[in-house]
């Protein structure tokens, strides 16, 4: 998860986030295109996350699931912060080809 310098492996974080499923559509948040960015600096892991719509009723569930997946994997001295972002607005083009195929697009 982190190397000797304390840096976080963001590719590993992205893979862990594939365990978080959007309960409305049954697809993980990475393939769905909801992760806009991962950054690690100053002992903070920042996850820039969007929702398929600002009115998403399950945003709190998704954020809680992110915490549940990452808390055991990230050293305790690293702060995990999820920041909701709305620009650019989410669109189906942000999904992976596999996710689009799931919807028949």
C-alpha atoms as a PDB file:
ATOM      1  CA  UNK A   1       0.000   0.000   0.000  1.00  0.00           C
ATOM      2  CA  UNK A   2       2.792   2.444   0.861  1.00  0.00           C
ATOM      3  CA  UNK A   3       6.509   2.285   0.233  1.00  0.00           C
ATOM      4  CA  UNK A   4       9.404   3.031   2.586  1.00  0.00           C
ATOM      5  CA  UNK A   5       9.033   6.755   1.903  1.00  0.00           C
ATOM      6  CA  UNK A   6       5.408   6.638   3.040  1.00  0.00           C
ATOM      7  CA  UNK A   7       4.044   7.255  -0.460  1.00  0.00           C
ATOM      8  CA  UNK A   8       0.714   5.653  -1.313  1.00  0.00           C
ATOM      9  CA  UNK A   9       0.378   3.434  -4.392  1.00  0.00           C
ATOM     10  CA  UNK A  10      -2.486   5.172  -6.201  1.00  0.00           C
ATOM     11  CA  UNK A  11      -2.870   2.320  -8.693  1.00  0.00           C
ATOM     12  CA  UNK A  12      -3.510  -0.016  -5.762  1.00  0.00           C
ATOM     13  CA  UNK A  13      -6.025   2.454  -4.317  1.00  0.00           C
ATOM     14  CA  UNK A  14      -7.839   2.541  -7.670  1.00  0.00           C
ATOM     15  CA  UNK A  15      -7.988  -1.275  -7.686  1.00  0.00           C
ATOM     16  CA  UNK A  16      -9.382  -1.305  -4.140  1.00  0.00           C
ATOM     17  CA  UNK A  17     -12.044   1.205  -5.177  1.00  0.00           C
ATOM     18  CA  UNK A  18     -13.276  -1.318  -7.752  1.00  0.00           C
ATOM     19  CA  UNK A  19     -14.777  -3.129  -4.750  1.00  0.00           C
ATOM     20  CA  UNK A  20     -17.168  -0.199  -4.201  1.00  0.00           C
ATOM     21  CA  UNK A  21     -20.353  -0.864  -6.146  1.00  0.00           C
ATOM     22  CA  UNK A  22     -22.880   1.833  -7.025  1.00  0.00           C
ATOM     23  CA  UNK A  23     -25.982   0.230  -5.478  1.00  0.00           C
ATOM     24  CA  UNK A  24     -28.318   1.751  -8.055  1.00  0.00           C
ATOM     25  CA  UNK A  25     -26.642   0.216 -11.096  1.00  0.00           C
ATOM     26  CA  UNK A  26     -24.504  -2.651  -9.787  1.00  0.00           C
ATOM     27  CA  UNK A  27     -21.241  -1.437 -11.368  1.00  0.00           C
ATOM     28  CA  UNK A  28     -18.101  -0.424  -9.484  1.00  0.00           C
ATOM     29  CA  UNK A  29     -17.399   3.285  -9.144  1.00  0.00           C
ATOM     30  CA  UNK A  30     -14.119   3.119 -11.088  1.00  0.00           C
ATOM     31  CA  UNK A  31     -15.608   1.512 -14.197  1.00  0.00           C
ATOM     32  CA  UNK A  32     -18.647   3.750 -13.881  1.00  0.00           C
ATOM     33  CA  UNK A  33     -16.318   6.763 -14.213  1.00  0.00           C
ATOM     34  CA  UNK A  34     -17.134   8.307 -10.838  1.00  0.00           C
ATOM     35  CA  UNK A  35     -13.501   8.673  -9.742  1.00  0.00           C
ATOM     36  CA  UNK A  36     -12.226  11.963 -11.141  1.00  0.00           C
ATOM     37  CA  UNK A  37      -8.875  11.863  -9.404  1.00  0.00           C
ATOM     38  CA  UNK A  38      -6.643  10.367  -6.735  1.00  0.00           C
ATOM     39  CA  UNK A  39      -3.916  12.421  -5.088  1.00  0.00           C
ATOM     40  CA  UNK A  40      -1.561  11.823  -2.202  1.00  0.00           C
ATOM     41  CA  UNK A  41       0.260  14.679  -0.475  1.00  0.00           C
ATOM     42  CA  UNK A  42       1.071  15.741   3.075  1.00  0.00           C
ATOM     43  CA  UNK A  43      -0.208  12.485   4.607  1.00  0.00           C
ATOM     44  CA  UNK A  44      -3.598  12.896   2.944  1.00  0.00           C
ATOM     45  CA  UNK A  45      -5.205  10.679   0.340  1.00  0.00           C
ATOM     46  CA  UNK A  46      -7.660  12.788  -1.639  1.00  0.00           C
ATOM     47  CA  UNK A  47     -10.323  11.065  -3.701  1.00  0.00           C
ATOM     48  CA  UNK A  48     -12.191  13.320  -6.121  1.00  0.00           C
ATOM     49  CA  UNK A  49     -15.551  11.649  -6.649  1.00  0.00           C
ATOM     50  CA  UNK A  50     -18.649  12.560  -8.584  1.00  0.00           C
ATOM     51  CA  UNK A  51     -22.108  11.035  -8.764  1.00  0.00           C
ATOM     52  CA  UNK A  52     -24.189  10.237 -11.819  1.00  0.00           C
ATOM     53  CA  UNK A  53     -26.429  13.136 -10.777  1.00  0.00           C
ATOM     54  CA  UNK A  54     -26.377  15.777  -8.020  1.00  0.00           C
ATOM     55  CA  UNK A  55     -29.640  14.279  -6.745  1.00  0.00           C
ATOM     56  CA  UNK A  56     -28.094  10.819  -6.247  1.00  0.00           C
ATOM     57  CA  UNK A  57     -29.837   9.426  -3.157  1.00  0.00           C
ATOM     58  CA  UNK A  58     -27.068   6.939  -2.365  1.00  0.00           C
ATOM     59  CA  UNK A  59     -24.020   9.208  -2.304  1.00  0.00           C
ATOM     60  CA  UNK A  60     -23.585   8.744   1.439  1.00  0.00           C
ATOM     61  CA  UNK A  61     -23.666   4.964   0.998  1.00  0.00           C
ATOM     62  CA  UNK A  62     -20.959   5.115  -1.674  1.00  0.00           C
ATOM     63  CA  UNK A  63     -18.745   7.345   0.495  1.00  0.00           C
ATOM     64  CA  UNK A  64     -19.244   5.023   3.469  1.00  0.00           C
ATOM     65  CA  UNK A  65     -18.314   2.045   1.287  1.00  0.00           C
ATOM     66  CA  UNK A  66     -15.148   3.865   0.158  1.00  0.00           C
ATOM     67  CA  UNK A  67     -14.170   4.341   3.799  1.00  0.00           C
ATOM     68  CA  UNK A  68     -14.931   0.683   4.572  1.00  0.00           C
ATOM     69  CA  UNK A  69     -12.708  -0.530   1.728  1.00  0.00           C
ATOM     70  CA  UNK A  70      -9.801   1.866   2.301  1.00  0.00           C
ATOM     71  CA  UNK A  71      -9.641   2.166   6.108  1.00  0.00           C
ATOM     72  CA  UNK A  72      -8.120  -1.298   6.640  1.00  0.00           C
ATOM     73  CA  UNK A  73      -5.700  -0.878   3.718  1.00  0.00           C
ATOM     74  CA  UNK A  74      -4.353   2.625   4.352  1.00  0.00           C
ATOM     75  CA  UNK A  75      -1.970   3.328   7.263  1.00  0.00           C
ATOM     76  CA  UNK A  76      -3.732   5.012  10.173  1.00  0.00           C
ATOM     77  CA  UNK A  77      -1.538   8.110   9.978  1.00  0.00           C
ATOM     78  CA  UNK A  78      -2.872   8.815   6.465  1.00  0.00           C
ATOM     79  CA  UNK A  79      -6.046  10.886   6.307  1.00  0.00           C
ATOM     80  CA  UNK A  80      -8.594   9.767   3.704  1.00  0.00           C
ATOM     81  CA  UNK A  81     -10.680  12.602   2.290  1.00  0.00           C
ATOM     82  CA  UNK A  82     -13.461  12.158  -0.250  1.00  0.00           C
ATOM     83  CA  UNK A  83     -14.315  15.361  -2.090  1.00  0.00           C
ATOM     84  CA  UNK A  84     -17.485  15.475  -4.168  1.00  0.00           C
ATOM     85  CA  UNK A  85     -17.015  17.339  -7.441  1.00  0.00           C
ATOM     86  CA  UNK A  86     -19.592  18.215 -10.056  1.00  0.00           C
ATOM     87  CA  UNK A  87     -17.464  19.626 -12.874  1.00  0.00           C
ATOM     88  CA  UNK A  88     -17.296  18.304 -15.417  1.00  0.00           C
ATOM     89  CA  UNK A  89     -20.730  16.736 -15.075  1.00  0.00           C
ATOM     90  CA  UNK A  90     -20.730  12.949 -15.210  1.00  0.00           C
ATOM     91  CA  UNK A  91     -21.722  11.398 -18.527  1.00  0.00           C
ATOM     92  CA  UNK A  92     -21.795   7.824 -19.869  1.00  0.00           C
ATOM     93  CA  UNK A  93     -18.686   8.579 -21.929  1.00  0.00           C
ATOM     94  CA  UNK A  94     -16.705   8.444 -18.671  1.00  0.00           C
ATOM     95  CA  UNK A  95     -17.504   4.747 -18.210  1.00  0.00           C
ATOM     96  CA  UNK A  96     -15.120   2.020 -19.283  1.00  0.00           C
ATOM     97  CA  UNK A  97     -16.102   0.079 -22.401  1.00  0.00           C
ATOM     98  CA  UNK A  98     -16.994  -2.872 -20.161  1.00  0.00           C
ATOM     99  CA  UNK A  99     -19.411  -0.756 -18.119  1.00  0.00           C
ATOM    100  CA  UNK A 100     -21.031   0.673 -21.251  1.00  0.00           C
ATOM    101  CA  UNK A 101     -21.419  -2.851 -22.589  1.00  0.00           C
ATOM    102  CA  UNK A 102     -23.224  -3.809 -19.348  1.00  0.00           C
ATOM    103  CA  UNK A 103     -25.857  -1.204 -20.213  1.00  0.00           C
ATOM    104  CA  UNK A 104     -25.953  -2.206 -23.863  1.00  0.00           C
ATOM    105  CA  UNK A 105     -24.355   1.048 -25.059  1.00  0.00           C
END
